[in-house]
């Protein structure tokens, strides 16, 4: 079985100097390797093909047979690295907390500590009988977050 770290290292060498980066890599027991990449702008099919060929050239198929799939981290897939979060600052995201609460909010900031989100929440306002929508800005640590996805609104 080929180690995913070797695949990631080969991919990072090939992507050095470009705006693309490795998101993740998985390998099945049958040596079916899936490498996910992303970019600050977009990832073309040609870029995936070129990266696949470059990585395959670094490994000996006679020593160990494998199947390599290079794909873009698609829209709607979970965000896995900080660079993906930073790419979406200012956009809407859907965050699922470990407590089971799902939040749809604007991503205001992302750093090593966590995420800063702003969203509207109904709160009791002094002098009002009913709860009012109030814009709230909160910071969540990565320990509190189960998953985060880009939120696409088709309205």
Protein backbone atom coordinates (compact mmCIF):
# COMPACT_ATOMS: atom_id res chain seq x y z
CA UNK A 1 0.00 0.00 0.00
CA UNK A 2 1.39 3.40 -1.00
CA UNK A 3 1.65 5.90 1.84
CA UNK A 4 -0.56 8.96 1.40
CA UNK A 5 2.24 11.17 2.78
CA UNK A 6 4.41 10.28 -0.23
CA UNK A 7 1.58 11.20 -2.62
CA UNK A 8 0.95 14.48 -0.77
CA UNK A 9 4.67 15.35 -0.82
CA UNK A 10 4.88 14.64 -4.57
CA UNK A 11 1.75 16.74 -5.22
CA UNK A 12 3.05 19.65 -3.14
CA UNK A 13 6.33 19.62 -5.05
CA UNK A 14 4.41 19.81 -8.35
CA UNK A 15 2.04 22.54 -7.10
CA UNK A 16 4.79 24.71 -5.63
CA UNK A 17 4.61 28.22 -7.04
CA UNK A 18 1.01 27.86 -8.20
CA UNK A 19 -2.18 28.99 -6.49
CA UNK A 20 -3.31 25.36 -6.09
CA UNK A 21 -2.85 23.38 -2.89
CA UNK A 22 -3.51 19.87 -1.51
CA UNK A 23 -6.67 19.47 0.56
CA UNK A 24 -6.46 15.77 1.35
CA UNK A 25 -5.49 12.32 0.21
CA UNK A 26 -6.98 8.90 0.90
CA UNK A 27 -5.87 5.41 -0.07
CA UNK A 28 -7.99 2.26 -0.04
CA UNK A 29 -6.54 -1.20 0.70
CA UNK A 30 -6.66 -1.90 -3.06
CA UNK A 31 -4.29 1.03 -3.71
CA UNK A 32 -7.03 3.27 -5.09
CA UNK A 33 -5.72 6.73 -4.27
CA UNK A 34 -7.87 9.87 -4.31
CA UNK A 35 -6.07 13.22 -4.11
CA UNK A 36 -8.15 16.35 -3.54
CA UNK A 37 -6.77 19.73 -4.54
CA UNK A 38 -8.17 23.24 -4.40
CA UNK A 39 -7.16 26.69 -5.55
CA UNK A 40 -7.61 30.30 -4.54
CA UNK A 41 -9.47 30.78 -7.83
CA UNK A 42 -10.47 27.61 -9.70
CA UNK A 43 -9.13 24.18 -10.63
CA UNK A 44 -9.36 23.10 -14.26
CA UNK A 45 -9.59 19.53 -15.51
CA UNK A 46 -6.34 20.06 -17.40
CA UNK A 47 -4.60 20.96 -14.12
CA UNK A 48 -5.89 17.75 -12.51
CA UNK A 49 -4.69 15.67 -15.48
CA UNK A 50 -1.25 17.31 -15.51
CA UNK A 51 -0.83 16.78 -11.77
CA UNK A 52 -1.95 13.15 -12.04
CA UNK A 53 0.60 12.44 -14.78
CA UNK A 54 3.40 14.19 -12.88
CA UNK A 55 2.70 12.20 -9.70
CA UNK A 56 2.40 8.89 -11.58
CA UNK A 57 5.80 9.57 -13.18
CA UNK A 58 7.39 9.69 -9.70
CA UNK A 59 6.19 6.20 -8.71
CA UNK A 60 7.09 2.79 -10.12
CA UNK A 61 3.99 0.85 -11.19
CA UNK A 62 6.07 -2.33 -11.51
CA UNK A 63 6.98 -2.22 -7.82
CA UNK A 64 3.41 -1.48 -6.70
CA UNK A 65 0.29 -1.11 -8.83
CA UNK A 66 -2.07 1.75 -7.96
CA UNK A 67 -4.95 3.82 -9.30
CA UNK A 68 -4.68 7.59 -8.88
CA UNK A 69 -7.59 10.01 -9.09
CA UNK A 70 -6.87 13.74 -8.83
CA UNK A 71 -9.97 15.85 -8.27
CA UNK A 72 -10.98 19.31 -7.20
CA UNK A 73 -12.60 19.71 -3.79
CA UNK A 74 -16.10 20.32 -5.09
CA UNK A 75 -18.66 22.92 -4.18
CA UNK A 76 -20.57 21.72 -1.17
CA UNK A 77 -17.78 19.53 0.14
CA UNK A 78 -16.50 19.99 3.68
CA UNK A 79 -13.73 22.48 4.23
CA UNK A 80 -10.63 20.71 5.52
CA UNK A 81 -7.77 23.21 5.69
CA UNK A 82 -7.34 26.78 6.86
CA UNK A 83 -6.54 28.03 3.36
CA UNK A 84 -10.02 26.92 2.20
CA UNK A 85 -11.60 28.86 5.06
CA UNK A 86 -9.59 31.98 4.24
CA UNK A 87 -10.68 31.72 0.62
CA UNK A 88 -14.33 31.98 1.75
CA UNK A 89 -13.99 34.99 4.07
CA UNK A 90 -16.91 37.30 3.24
CA UNK A 91 -19.04 34.46 1.85
CA UNK A 92 -21.86 32.44 3.41
CA UNK A 93 -21.03 29.14 5.10
CA UNK A 94 -23.01 26.42 6.82
CA UNK A 95 -21.44 25.32 10.10
CA UNK A 96 -22.48 22.23 12.06
CA UNK A 97 -21.40 22.31 15.69
CA UNK A 98 -20.70 19.19 17.78
CA UNK A 99 -23.77 20.15 19.84
CA UNK A 100 -25.92 19.51 16.74
CA UNK A 101 -26.71 23.17 16.05
CA UNK A 102 -26.51 24.20 12.39
CA UNK A 103 -25.61 27.82 11.68
CA UNK A 104 -25.83 29.57 8.32
CA UNK A 105 -23.73 32.70 8.55
CA UNK A 106 -21.22 34.97 6.85
CA UNK A 107 -17.61 33.99 7.48
CA UNK A 108 -15.91 37.15 8.75
CA UNK A 109 -12.51 35.72 9.69
CA UNK A 110 -10.58 32.46 9.94
CA UNK A 111 -7.35 31.83 11.80
CA UNK A 112 -5.60 29.05 13.74
CA UNK A 113 -7.89 29.62 16.74
CA UNK A 114 -11.19 29.26 14.87
CA UNK A 115 -13.87 31.08 12.89
CA UNK A 116 -15.65 34.39 13.36
CA UNK A 117 -19.21 34.24 12.05
CA UNK A 118 -21.94 36.88 11.81
CA UNK A 119 -25.61 36.04 11.49
CA UNK A 120 -29.06 37.22 12.50
CA UNK A 121 -30.60 35.78 15.65
CA UNK A 122 -33.90 36.46 17.44
CA UNK A 123 -33.23 38.05 20.82
CA UNK A 124 -35.24 39.81 23.46
CA UNK A 125 -34.81 43.57 23.10
CA UNK A 126 -35.60 45.86 26.01
CA UNK A 127 -38.80 47.81 25.45
CA UNK A 128 -40.14 45.36 22.81
CA UNK A 129 -42.78 42.69 23.41
CA UNK A 130 -41.56 40.28 20.74
CA UNK A 131 -38.08 39.03 20.02
CA UNK A 132 -36.30 41.04 17.34
CA UNK A 133 -33.74 39.98 14.72
CA UNK A 134 -30.33 41.18 15.86
CA UNK A 135 -27.03 40.86 13.98
CA UNK A 136 -24.67 38.74 16.12
CA UNK A 137 -20.95 38.17 15.66
CA UNK A 138 -19.48 35.13 17.42
CA UNK A 139 -16.20 33.27 17.38
CA UNK A 140 -16.13 29.46 17.42
CA UNK A 141 -13.02 27.37 18.00
CA UNK A 142 -12.31 24.46 15.67
CA UNK A 143 -12.91 22.13 18.67
CA UNK A 144 -16.59 23.20 18.69
CA UNK A 145 -17.07 22.70 14.92
CA UNK A 146 -17.96 19.33 13.43
CA UNK A 147 -18.06 20.43 9.78
CA UNK A 148 -18.18 23.53 7.60
CA UNK A 149 -19.39 23.84 4.01
CA UNK A 150 -19.79 26.70 1.60
CA UNK A 151 -23.46 27.76 1.57
CA UNK A 152 -24.95 28.35 -1.87
CA UNK A 153 -28.22 30.26 -1.99
CA UNK A 154 -30.12 29.75 -5.25
CA UNK A 155 -32.82 32.32 -4.56
